[in-house]
Amino acid sequence: MLVACLTSIAVCGAVGLFSGAMVTAFRTPPFIATLAMMQVAGGLAFIVAQGQTIYDIPASFTWLGRSEIASIPVSVLLMVVIYVVAHFVMARSRLAE
């Protein structure tokens, strides 16, 4: 599971790098590049799934999208945590300089 997560992060980083390169090299508007990459990703997902709906999703994934903690969806809590960490990195660290 850890290897799959790290691989997916690496693939997403490579896709983002490619999109950024397309914006920089060909002066494509970022919004258009993002929409185009979304269409490519959707098409690849369709091909990988062979057009079938995927039903056997692990409980750990459904927990992330459907569970609540203190009446707040877990996905919202995750978004807030990621925002706080990103804000700290961008505003208080030397990484942003």
PDB file of N, CA and C in Angstrom:
ATOM      1  N   MET A   1       0.820  -1.186   0.000  1.00  0.00           N
ATOM      2  CA  MET A   1       0.000   0.000   0.000  1.00  0.00           C
ATOM      3  C   MET A   1       0.868   1.256   0.000  1.00  0.00           C
ATOM      4  N   LEU A   2       1.929   1.244   0.805  1.00  0.00           N
ATOM      5  CA  LEU A   2       2.827   2.393   0.869  1.00  0.00           C
ATOM      6  C   LEU A   2       3.506   2.629  -0.478  1.00  0.00           C
ATOM      7  N   VAL A   3       3.934   1.557  -1.110  1.00  0.00           N
ATOM      8  CA  VAL A   3       4.588   1.682  -2.416  1.00  0.00           C
ATOM      9  C   VAL A   3       3.611   2.251  -3.439  1.00  0.00           C
ATOM     10  N   ALA A   4       2.368   1.797  -3.395  1.00  0.00           N
ATOM     11  CA  ALA A   4       1.357   2.305  -4.322  1.00  0.00           C
ATOM     12  C   ALA A   4       1.112   3.792  -4.094  1.00  0.00           C
ATOM     13  N   CYS A   5       1.052   4.213  -2.840  1.00  0.00           N
ATOM     14  CA  CYS A   5       0.844   5.634  -2.534  1.00  0.00           C
ATOM     15  C   CYS A   5       2.026   6.476  -3.010  1.00  0.00           C
ATOM     16  N   LEU A   6       3.230   6.023  -2.741  1.00  0.00           N
ATOM     17  CA  LEU A   6       4.411   6.774  -3.167  1.00  0.00           C
ATOM     18  C   LEU A   6       4.524   6.815  -4.693  1.00  0.00           C
ATOM     19  N   THR A   7       4.173   5.720  -5.340  1.00  0.00           N
ATOM     20  CA  THR A   7       4.191   5.686  -6.797  1.00  0.00           C
ATOM     21  C   THR A   7       3.172   6.658  -7.375  1.00  0.00           C
ATOM     22  N   SER A   8       1.989   6.683  -6.793  1.00  0.00           N
ATOM     23  CA  SER A   8       0.961   7.594  -7.300  1.00  0.00           C
ATOM     24  C   SER A   8       1.368   9.053  -7.089  1.00  0.00           C
ATOM     25  N   ILE A   9       2.018   9.353  -5.976  1.00  0.00           N
ATOM     26  CA  ILE A   9       2.506  10.715  -5.757  1.00  0.00           C
ATOM     27  C   ILE A   9       3.564  11.080  -6.795  1.00  0.00           C
ATOM     28  N   ALA A  10       4.460  10.142  -7.091  1.00  0.00           N
ATOM     29  CA  ALA A  10       5.497  10.387  -8.096  1.00  0.00           C
ATOM     30  C   ALA A  10       4.888  10.585  -9.483  1.00  0.00           C
ATOM     31  N   VAL A  11       3.907   9.771  -9.830  1.00  0.00           N
ATOM     32  CA  VAL A  11       3.258   9.900 -11.143  1.00  0.00           C
ATOM     33  C   VAL A  11       2.529  11.237 -11.239  1.00  0.00           C
ATOM     34  N   CYS A  12       1.830  11.626 -10.184  1.00  0.00           N
ATOM     35  CA  CYS A  12       1.133  12.915 -10.190  1.00  0.00           C
ATOM     36  C   CYS A  12       2.123  14.069 -10.294  1.00  0.00           C
ATOM     37  N   GLY A  13       3.260  13.946  -9.638  1.00  0.00           N
ATOM     38  CA  GLY A  13       4.292  14.972  -9.766  1.00  0.00           C
ATOM     39  C   GLY A  13       4.817  15.073 -11.185  1.00  0.00           C
ATOM     40  N   ALA A  14       5.013  13.930 -11.835  1.00  0.00           N
ATOM     41  CA  ALA A  14       5.485  13.926 -13.218  1.00  0.00           C
ATOM     42  C   ALA A  14       4.442  14.538 -14.151  1.00  0.00           C
ATOM     43  N   VAL A  15       3.178  14.231 -13.918  1.00  0.00           N
ATOM     44  CA  VAL A  15       2.108  14.804 -14.732  1.00  0.00           C
ATOM     45  C   VAL A  15       2.052  16.317 -14.533  1.00  0.00           C
ATOM     46  N   GLY A  16       2.191  16.767 -13.289  1.00  0.00           N
ATOM     47  CA  GLY A  16       2.219  18.206 -13.022  1.00  0.00           C
ATOM     48  C   GLY A  16       3.408  18.889 -13.673  1.00  0.00           C
ATOM     49  N   LEU A  17       4.549  18.227 -13.643  1.00  0.00           N
ATOM     50  CA  LEU A  17       5.737  18.757 -14.304  1.00  0.00           C
ATOM     51  C   LEU A  17       5.506  18.875 -15.807  1.00  0.00           C
ATOM     52  N   PHE A  18       4.886  17.858 -16.388  1.00  0.00           N
ATOM     53  CA  PHE A  18       4.573  17.888 -17.821  1.00  0.00           C
ATOM     54  C   PHE A  18       3.618  19.033 -18.141  1.00  0.00           C
ATOM     55  N   SER A  19       2.587  19.198 -17.322  1.00  0.00           N
ATOM     56  CA  SER A  19       1.630  20.287 -17.554  1.00  0.00           C
ATOM     57  C   SER A  19       2.328  21.646 -17.454  1.00  0.00           C
ATOM     58  N   GLY A  20       3.173  21.790 -16.448  1.00  0.00           N
ATOM     59  CA  GLY A  20       3.922  23.037 -16.305  1.00  0.00           C
ATOM     60  C   GLY A  20       4.848  23.298 -17.483  1.00  0.00           C
ATOM     61  N   ALA A  21       5.452  22.242 -17.986  1.00  0.00           N
ATOM     62  CA  ALA A  21       6.317  22.384 -19.157  1.00  0.00           C
ATOM     63  C   ALA A  21       5.519  22.804 -20.383  1.00  0.00           C
ATOM     64  N   MET A  22       4.319  22.283 -20.520  1.00  0.00           N
ATOM     65  CA  MET A  22       3.473  22.660 -21.658  1.00  0.00           C
ATOM     66  C   MET A  22       3.072  24.132 -21.566  1.00  0.00           C
ATOM     67  N   VAL A  23       2.780  24.580 -20.353  1.00  0.00           N
ATOM     68  CA  VAL A  23       2.428  25.992 -20.162  1.00  0.00           C
ATOM     69  C   VAL A  23       3.631  26.879 -20.473  1.00  0.00           C
ATOM     70  N   THR A  24       4.793  26.461 -20.012  1.00  0.00           N
ATOM     71  CA  THR A  24       5.995  27.271 -20.201  1.00  0.00           C
ATOM     72  C   THR A  24       6.489  27.235 -21.643  1.00  0.00           C
ATOM     73  N   ALA A  25       6.594  26.045 -22.216  1.00  0.00           N
ATOM     74  CA  ALA A  25       7.193  25.901 -23.550  1.00  0.00           C
ATOM     75  C   ALA A  25       6.275  26.399 -24.659  1.00  0.00           C
ATOM     76  N   PHE A  26       4.986  26.102 -24.553  1.00  0.00           N
ATOM     77  CA  PHE A  26       4.062  26.435 -25.637  1.00  0.00           C
ATOM     78  C   PHE A  26       3.127  27.602 -25.304  1.00  0.00           C
ATOM     79  N   ARG A  27       3.339  28.211 -24.138  1.00  0.00           N
ATOM     80  CA  ARG A  27       2.524  29.333 -23.680  1.00  0.00           C
ATOM     81  C   ARG A  27       1.024  29.006 -23.704  1.00  0.00           C
ATOM     82  N   THR A  28       0.712  27.776 -23.349  1.00  0.00           N
ATOM     83  CA  THR A  28      -0.683  27.362 -23.218  1.00  0.00           C
ATOM     84  C   THR A  28      -1.239  27.946 -21.930  1.00  0.00           C
ATOM     85  N   PRO A  29      -2.457  28.480 -21.964  1.00  0.00           N
ATOM     86  CA  PRO A  29      -3.037  28.975 -20.705  1.00  0.00           C
ATOM     87  C   PRO A  29      -3.131  27.839 -19.678  1.00  0.00           C
ATOM     88  N   PRO A  30      -2.764  28.098 -18.434  1.00  0.00           N
ATOM     89  CA  PRO A  30      -2.758  27.039 -17.418  1.00  0.00           C
ATOM     90  C   PRO A  30      -4.116  26.342 -17.260  1.00  0.00           C
ATOM     91  N   PHE A  31      -5.202  27.098 -17.385  1.00  0.00           N
ATOM     92  CA  PHE A  31      -6.533  26.503 -17.257  1.00  0.00           C
ATOM     93  C   PHE A  31      -6.773  25.468 -18.357  1.00  0.00           C
ATOM     94  N   ILE A  32      -6.365  25.789 -19.567  1.00  0.00           N
ATOM     95  CA  ILE A  32      -6.540  24.861 -20.699  1.00  0.00           C
ATOM     96  C   ILE A  32      -5.658  23.636 -20.525  1.00  0.00           C
ATOM     97  N   ALA A  33      -4.421  23.835 -20.072  1.00  0.00           N
ATOM     98  CA  ALA A  33      -3.524  22.697 -19.849  1.00  0.00           C
ATOM     99  C   ALA A  33      -4.082  21.771 -18.772  1.00  0.00           C
ATOM    100  N   THR A  34      -4.666  22.361 -17.730  1.00  0.00           N
ATOM    101  CA  THR A  34      -5.252  21.554 -16.662  1.00  0.00           C
ATOM    102  C   THR A  34      -6.453  20.766 -17.161  1.00  0.00           C
ATOM    103  N   LEU A  35      -7.321  21.404 -17.926  1.00  0.00           N
ATOM    104  CA  LEU A  35      -8.479  20.693 -18.488  1.00  0.00           C
ATOM    105  C   LEU A  35      -8.051  19.565 -19.420  1.00  0.00           C
ATOM    106  N   ALA A  36      -7.039  19.829 -20.234  1.00  0.00           N
ATOM    107  CA  ALA A  36      -6.562  18.803 -21.153  1.00  0.00           C
ATOM    108  C   ALA A  36      -5.990  17.615 -20.383  1.00  0.00           C
ATOM    109  N   MET A  37      -5.223  17.886 -19.330  1.00  0.00           N
ATOM    110  CA  MET A  37      -4.638  16.796 -18.548  1.00  0.00           C
ATOM    111  C   MET A  37      -5.727  16.021 -17.816  1.00  0.00           C
ATOM    112  N   MET A  38      -6.791  16.701 -17.394  1.00  0.00           N
ATOM    113  CA  MET A  38      -7.908  16.012 -16.750  1.00  0.00           C
ATOM    114  C   MET A  38      -8.574  15.047 -17.731  1.00  0.00           C
ATOM    115  N   GLN A  39      -8.709  15.459 -18.988  1.00  0.00           N
ATOM    116  CA  GLN A  39      -9.298  14.592 -19.998  1.00  0.00           C
ATOM    117  C   GLN A  39      -8.396  13.386 -20.287  1.00  0.00           C
ATOM    118  N   VAL A  40      -7.101  13.612 -20.330  1.00  0.00           N
ATOM    119  CA  VAL A  40      -6.160  12.512 -20.539  1.00  0.00           C
ATOM    120  C   VAL A  40      -6.237  11.523 -19.380  1.00  0.00           C
ATOM    121  N   ALA A  41      -6.253  12.036 -18.145  1.00  0.00           N
ATOM    122  CA  ALA A  41      -6.320  11.161 -16.970  1.00  0.00           C
ATOM    123  C   ALA A  41      -7.629  10.374 -16.950  1.00  0.00           C
ATOM    124  N   GLY A  42      -8.739  11.023 -17.293  1.00  0.00           N
ATOM    125  CA  GLY A  42     -10.023  10.321 -17.343  1.00  0.00           C
ATOM    126  C   GLY A  42     -10.027   9.225 -18.401  1.00  0.00           C
ATOM    127  N   GLY A  43      -9.434   9.512 -19.542  1.00  0.00           N
ATOM    128  CA  GLY A  43      -9.346   8.506 -20.593  1.00  0.00           C
ATOM    129  C   GLY A  43      -8.480   7.328 -20.196  1.00  0.00           C
ATOM    130  N   LEU A  44      -7.352   7.603 -19.548  1.00  0.00           N
ATOM    131  CA  LEU A  44      -6.488   6.515 -19.086  1.00  0.00           C
ATOM    132  C   LEU A  44      -7.170   5.677 -18.010  1.00  0.00           C
ATOM    133  N   ALA A  45      -7.913   6.324 -17.126  1.00  0.00           N
ATOM    134  CA  ALA A  45      -8.650   5.580 -16.095  1.00  0.00           C
ATOM    135  C   ALA A  45      -9.694   4.680 -16.738  1.00  0.00           C
ATOM    136  N   PHE A  46     -10.356   5.179 -17.768  1.00  0.00           N
ATOM    137  CA  PHE A  46     -11.351   4.378 -18.489  1.00  0.00           C
ATOM    138  C   PHE A  46     -10.693   3.166 -19.148  1.00  0.00           C
ATOM    139  N   ILE A  47      -9.527   3.378 -19.736  1.00  0.00           N
ATOM    140  CA  ILE A  47      -8.809   2.279 -20.393  1.00  0.00           C
ATOM    141  C   ILE A  47      -8.351   1.251 -19.370  1.00  0.00           C
ATOM    142  N   VAL A  48      -7.769   1.711 -18.257  1.00  0.00           N
ATOM    143  CA  VAL A  48      -7.274   0.799 -17.232  1.00  0.00           C
ATOM    144  C   VAL A  48      -8.418  -0.025 -16.640  1.00  0.00           C
ATOM    145  N   ALA A  49      -9.571   0.608 -16.417  1.00  0.00           N
ATOM    146  CA  ALA A  49     -10.727  -0.087 -15.845  1.00  0.00           C
ATOM    147  C   ALA A  49     -11.500  -0.872 -16.901  1.00  0.00           C
ATOM    148  N   GLN A  50     -11.075  -0.788 -18.147  1.00  0.00           N
ATOM    149  CA  GLN A  50     -11.717  -1.470 -19.267  1.00  0.00           C
ATOM    150  C   GLN A  50     -13.207  -1.119 -19.341  1.00  0.00           C
ATOM    151  N   GLY A  51     -13.532   0.115 -19.032  1.00  0.00           N
ATOM    152  CA  GLY A  51     -14.897   0.594 -19.133  1.00  0.00           C
ATOM    153  C   GLY A  51     -15.835   0.063 -18.061  1.00  0.00           C
ATOM    154  N   GLN A  52     -15.306  -0.654 -17.092  1.00  0.00           N
ATOM    155  CA  GLN A  52     -16.141  -1.245 -16.047  1.00  0.00           C
ATOM    156  C   GLN A  52     -16.132  -0.370 -14.796  1.00  0.00           C
ATOM    157  N   THR A  53     -17.217  -0.423 -14.047  1.00  0.00           N
ATOM    158  CA  THR A  53     -17.272   0.257 -12.763  1.00  0.00           C
ATOM    159  C   THR A  53     -16.492  -0.566 -11.745  1.00  0.00           C
ATOM    160  N   ILE A  54     -15.730   0.111 -10.909  1.00  0.00           N
ATOM    161  CA  ILE A  54     -14.936  -0.577  -9.895  1.00  0.00           C
ATOM    162  C   ILE A  54     -15.722  -0.563  -8.588  1.00  0.00           C
ATOM    163  N   TYR A  55     -16.068  -1.756  -8.098  1.00  0.00           N
ATOM    164  CA  TYR A  55     -16.895  -1.882  -6.908  1.00  0.00           C
ATOM    165  C   TYR A  55     -16.100  -2.231  -5.654  1.00  0.00           C
ATOM    166  N   ASP A  56     -15.059  -3.004  -5.774  1.00  0.00           N
ATOM    167  CA  ASP A  56     -14.317  -3.489  -4.606  1.00  0.00           C
ATOM    168  C   ASP A  56     -13.281  -2.470  -4.155  1.00  0.00           C
ATOM    169  N   ILE A  57     -13.761  -1.414  -3.534  1.00  0.00           N
ATOM    170  CA  ILE A  57     -12.871  -0.377  -3.027  1.00  0.00           C
ATOM    171  C   ILE A  57     -12.561  -0.694  -1.571  1.00  0.00           C
ATOM    172  N   PRO A  58     -11.282  -0.648  -1.173  1.00  0.00           N
ATOM    173  CA  PRO A  58     -10.936  -0.947   0.220  1.00  0.00           C
ATOM    174  C   PRO A  58     -11.644   0.001   1.198  1.00  0.00           C
ATOM    175  N   ALA A  59     -11.933  -0.504   2.374  1.00  0.00           N
ATOM    176  CA  ALA A  59     -12.640   0.275   3.393  1.00  0.00           C
ATOM    177  C   ALA A  59     -11.864   1.528   3.794  1.00  0.00           C
ATOM    178  N   SER A  60     -10.527   1.472   3.725  1.00  0.00           N
ATOM    179  CA  SER A  60      -9.733   2.648   4.096  1.00  0.00           C
ATOM    180  C   SER A  60      -9.981   3.817   3.144  1.00  0.00           C
ATOM    181  N   PHE A  61     -10.273   3.529   1.878  1.00  0.00           N
ATOM    182  CA  PHE A  61     -10.562   4.597   0.925  1.00  0.00           C
ATOM    183  C   PHE A  61     -11.974   5.140   1.117  1.00  0.00           C
ATOM    184  N   THR A  62     -12.928   4.263   1.356  1.00  0.00           N
ATOM    185  CA  THR A  62     -14.289   4.743   1.555  1.00  0.00           C
ATOM    186  C   THR A  62     -14.407   5.501   2.870  1.00  0.00           C
ATOM    187  N   TRP A  63     -13.602   5.142   3.858  1.00  0.00           N
ATOM    188  CA  TRP A  63     -13.609   5.872   5.126  1.00  0.00           C
ATOM    189  C   TRP A  63     -13.212   7.319   4.904  1.00  0.00           C
ATOM    190  N   LEU A  64     -12.224   7.541   4.073  1.00  0.00           N
ATOM    191  CA  LEU A  64     -11.733   8.888   3.824  1.00  0.00           C
ATOM    192  C   LEU A  64     -12.807   9.776   3.208  1.00  0.00           C
ATOM    193  N   GLY A  65     -13.626   9.228   2.342  1.00  0.00           N
ATOM    194  CA  GLY A  65     -14.615  10.034   1.652  1.00  0.00           C
ATOM    195  C   GLY A  65     -15.984  10.078   2.295  1.00  0.00           C
ATOM    196  N   ARG A  66     -16.292   9.123   3.161  1.00  0.00           N
ATOM    197  CA  ARG A  66     -17.658   9.030   3.670  1.00  0.00           C
ATOM    198  C   ARG A  66     -17.792   9.160   5.176  1.00  0.00           C
ATOM    199  N   SER A  67     -16.714   9.148   5.909  1.00  0.00           N
ATOM    200  CA  SER A  67     -16.793   9.163   7.372  1.00  0.00           C
ATOM    201  C   SER A  67     -16.806  10.584   7.914  1.00  0.00           C
ATOM    202  N   GLU A  68     -17.195  10.689   9.174  1.00  0.00           N
ATOM    203  CA  GLU A  68     -17.224  11.974   9.861  1.00  0.00           C
ATOM    204  C   GLU A  68     -16.554  11.861  11.219  1.00  0.00           C
ATOM    205  N   ILE A  69     -15.947  12.951  11.638  1.00  0.00           N
ATOM    206  CA  ILE A  69     -15.403  13.064  12.990  1.00  0.00           C
ATOM    207  C   ILE A  69     -16.047  14.307  13.592  1.00  0.00           C
ATOM    208  N   ALA A  70     -16.784  14.119  14.671  1.00  0.00           N
ATOM    209  CA  ALA A  70     -17.515  15.217  15.331  1.00  0.00           C
ATOM    210  C   ALA A  70     -18.418  15.950  14.339  1.00  0.00           C
ATOM    211  N   SER A  71     -19.133  15.210  13.529  1.00  0.00           N
ATOM    212  CA  SER A  71     -20.086  15.731  12.535  1.00  0.00           C
ATOM    213  C   SER A  71     -19.436  16.531  11.410  1.00  0.00           C
ATOM    214  N   ILE A  72     -18.120  16.438  11.272  1.00  0.00           N
ATOM    215  CA  ILE A  72     -17.412  17.108  10.187  1.00  0.00           C
ATOM    216  C   ILE A  72     -16.827  16.027   9.284  1.00  0.00           C
ATOM    217  N   PRO A  73     -17.088  16.094   7.971  1.00  0.00           N
ATOM    218  CA  PRO A  73     -16.535  15.075   7.070  1.00  0.00           C
ATOM    219  C   PRO A  73     -15.017  15.009   7.148  1.00  0.00           C
ATOM    220  N   VAL A  74     -14.486  13.799   7.097  1.00  0.00           N
ATOM    221  CA  VAL A  74     -13.033  13.594   7.185  1.00  0.00           C
ATOM    222  C   VAL A  74     -12.320  14.320   6.049  1.00  0.00           C
ATOM    223  N   SER A  75     -12.914  14.352   4.862  1.00  0.00           N
ATOM    224  CA  SER A  75     -12.272  15.036   3.739  1.00  0.00           C
ATOM    225  C   SER A  75     -12.117  16.534   4.008  1.00  0.00           C
ATOM    226  N   VAL A  76     -13.076  17.136   4.692  1.00  0.00           N
ATOM    227  CA  VAL A  76     -12.966  18.553   5.047  1.00  0.00           C
ATOM    228  C   VAL A  76     -11.845  18.755   6.064  1.00  0.00           C
ATOM    229  N   LEU A  77     -11.769  17.874   7.054  1.00  0.00           N
ATOM    230  CA  LEU A  77     -10.689  17.970   8.039  1.00  0.00           C
ATOM    231  C   LEU A  77      -9.326  17.807   7.380  1.00  0.00           C
ATOM    232  N   LEU A  78      -9.230  16.874   6.455  1.00  0.00           N
ATOM    233  CA  LEU A  78      -7.974  16.667   5.726  1.00  0.00           C
ATOM    234  C   LEU A  78      -7.612  17.918   4.928  1.00  0.00           C
ATOM    235  N   MET A  79      -8.597  18.545   4.301  1.00  0.00           N
ATOM    236  CA  MET A  79      -8.351  19.760   3.544  1.00  0.00           C
ATOM    237  C   MET A  79      -7.822  20.863   4.444  1.00  0.00           C
ATOM    238  N   VAL A  80      -8.395  21.019   5.635  1.00  0.00           N
ATOM    239  CA  VAL A  80      -7.954  22.046   6.566  1.00  0.00           C
ATOM    240  C   VAL A  80      -6.517  21.768   7.023  1.00  0.00           C
ATOM    241  N   VAL A  81      -6.201  20.525   7.330  1.00  0.00           N
ATOM    242  CA  VAL A  81      -4.838  20.176   7.751  1.00  0.00           C
ATOM    243  C   VAL A  81      -3.837  20.471   6.636  1.00  0.00           C
ATOM    244  N   ILE A  82      -4.165  20.089   5.418  1.00  0.00           N
ATOM    245  CA  ILE A  82      -3.266  20.350   4.290  1.00  0.00           C
ATOM    246  C   ILE A  82      -3.109  21.853   4.074  1.00  0.00           C
ATOM    247  N   TYR A  83      -4.186  22.607   4.209  1.00  0.00           N
ATOM    248  CA  TYR A  83      -4.103  24.057   4.060  1.00  0.00           C
ATOM    249  C   TYR A  83      -3.181  24.665   5.107  1.00  0.00           C
ATOM    250  N   VAL A  84      -3.332  24.250   6.347  1.00  0.00           N
ATOM    251  CA  VAL A  84      -2.500  24.806   7.425  1.00  0.00           C
ATOM    252  C   VAL A  84      -1.030  24.484   7.181  1.00  0.00           C
ATOM    253  N   VAL A  85      -0.739  23.261   6.801  1.00  0.00           N
ATOM    254  CA  VAL A  85       0.657  22.878   6.526  1.00  0.00           C
ATOM    255  C   VAL A  85       1.201  23.674   5.338  1.00  0.00           C
ATOM    256  N   ALA A  86       0.413  23.801   4.270  1.00  0.00           N
ATOM    257  CA  ALA A  86       0.862  24.552   3.098  1.00  0.00           C
ATOM    258  C   ALA A  86       1.072  26.022   3.440  1.00  0.00           C
ATOM    259  N   HIS A  87       0.183  26.587   4.252  1.00  0.00           N
ATOM    260  CA  HIS A  87       0.335  27.981   4.661  1.00  0.00           C
ATOM    261  C   HIS A  87       1.622  28.162   5.468  1.00  0.00           C
ATOM    262  N   PHE A  88       1.889  27.246   6.373  1.00  0.00           N
ATOM    263  CA  PHE A  88       3.113  27.325   7.157  1.00  0.00           C
ATOM    264  C   PHE A  88       4.343  27.253   6.251  1.00  0.00           C
ATOM    265  N   VAL A  89       4.337  26.330   5.312  1.00  0.00           N
ATOM    266  CA  VAL A  89       5.485  26.173   4.415  1.00  0.00           C
ATOM    267  C   VAL A  89       5.675  27.437   3.567  1.00  0.00           C
ATOM    268  N   MET A  90       4.574  27.997   3.049  1.00  0.00           N
ATOM    269  CA  MET A  90       4.681  29.153   2.166  1.00  0.00           C
ATOM    270  C   MET A  90       4.997  30.445   2.928  1.00  0.00           C
ATOM    271  N   ALA A  91       4.519  30.577   4.143  1.00  0.00           N
ATOM    272  CA  ALA A  91       4.674  31.852   4.848  1.00  0.00           C
ATOM    273  C   ALA A  91       5.833  31.871   5.842  1.00  0.00           C
ATOM    274  N   ARG A  92       6.192  30.753   6.394  1.00  0.00           N
ATOM    275  CA  ARG A  92       7.137  30.765   7.512  1.00  0.00           C
ATOM    276  C   ARG A  92       8.452  30.019   7.250  1.00  0.00           C
ATOM    277  N   SER A  93       8.585  29.388   6.120  1.00  0.00           N
ATOM    278  CA  SER A  93       9.813  28.623   5.901  1.00  0.00           C
ATOM    279  C   SER A  93      10.632  29.232   4.773  1.00  0.00           C
ATOM    280  N   ARG A  94      11.854  28.808   4.666  1.00  0.00           N
ATOM    281  CA  ARG A  94      12.727  29.288   3.604  1.00  0.00           C
ATOM    282  C   ARG A  94      12.451  28.596   2.276  1.00  0.00           C
ATOM    283  N   LEU A  95      11.626  27.577   2.291  1.00  0.00           N
ATOM    284  CA  LEU A  95      11.274  26.891   1.052  1.00  0.00           C
ATOM    285  C   LEU A  95      10.596  27.826   0.063  1.00  0.00           C
ATOM    286  N   ALA A  96       9.813  28.777   0.565  1.00  0.00           N
ATOM    287  CA  ALA A  96       9.057  29.668  -0.291  1.00  0.00           C
ATOM    288  C   ALA A  96       9.912  30.803  -0.876  1.00  0.00           C
ATOM    289  N   GLU A  97      11.105  30.983  -0.397  1.00  0.00           N
ATOM    290  CA  GLU A  97      11.944  32.094  -0.874  1.00  0.00           C
ATOM    291  C   GLU A  97      12.610  31.796  -2.155  1.00  0.00           C
TER     292      GLU A  97
END
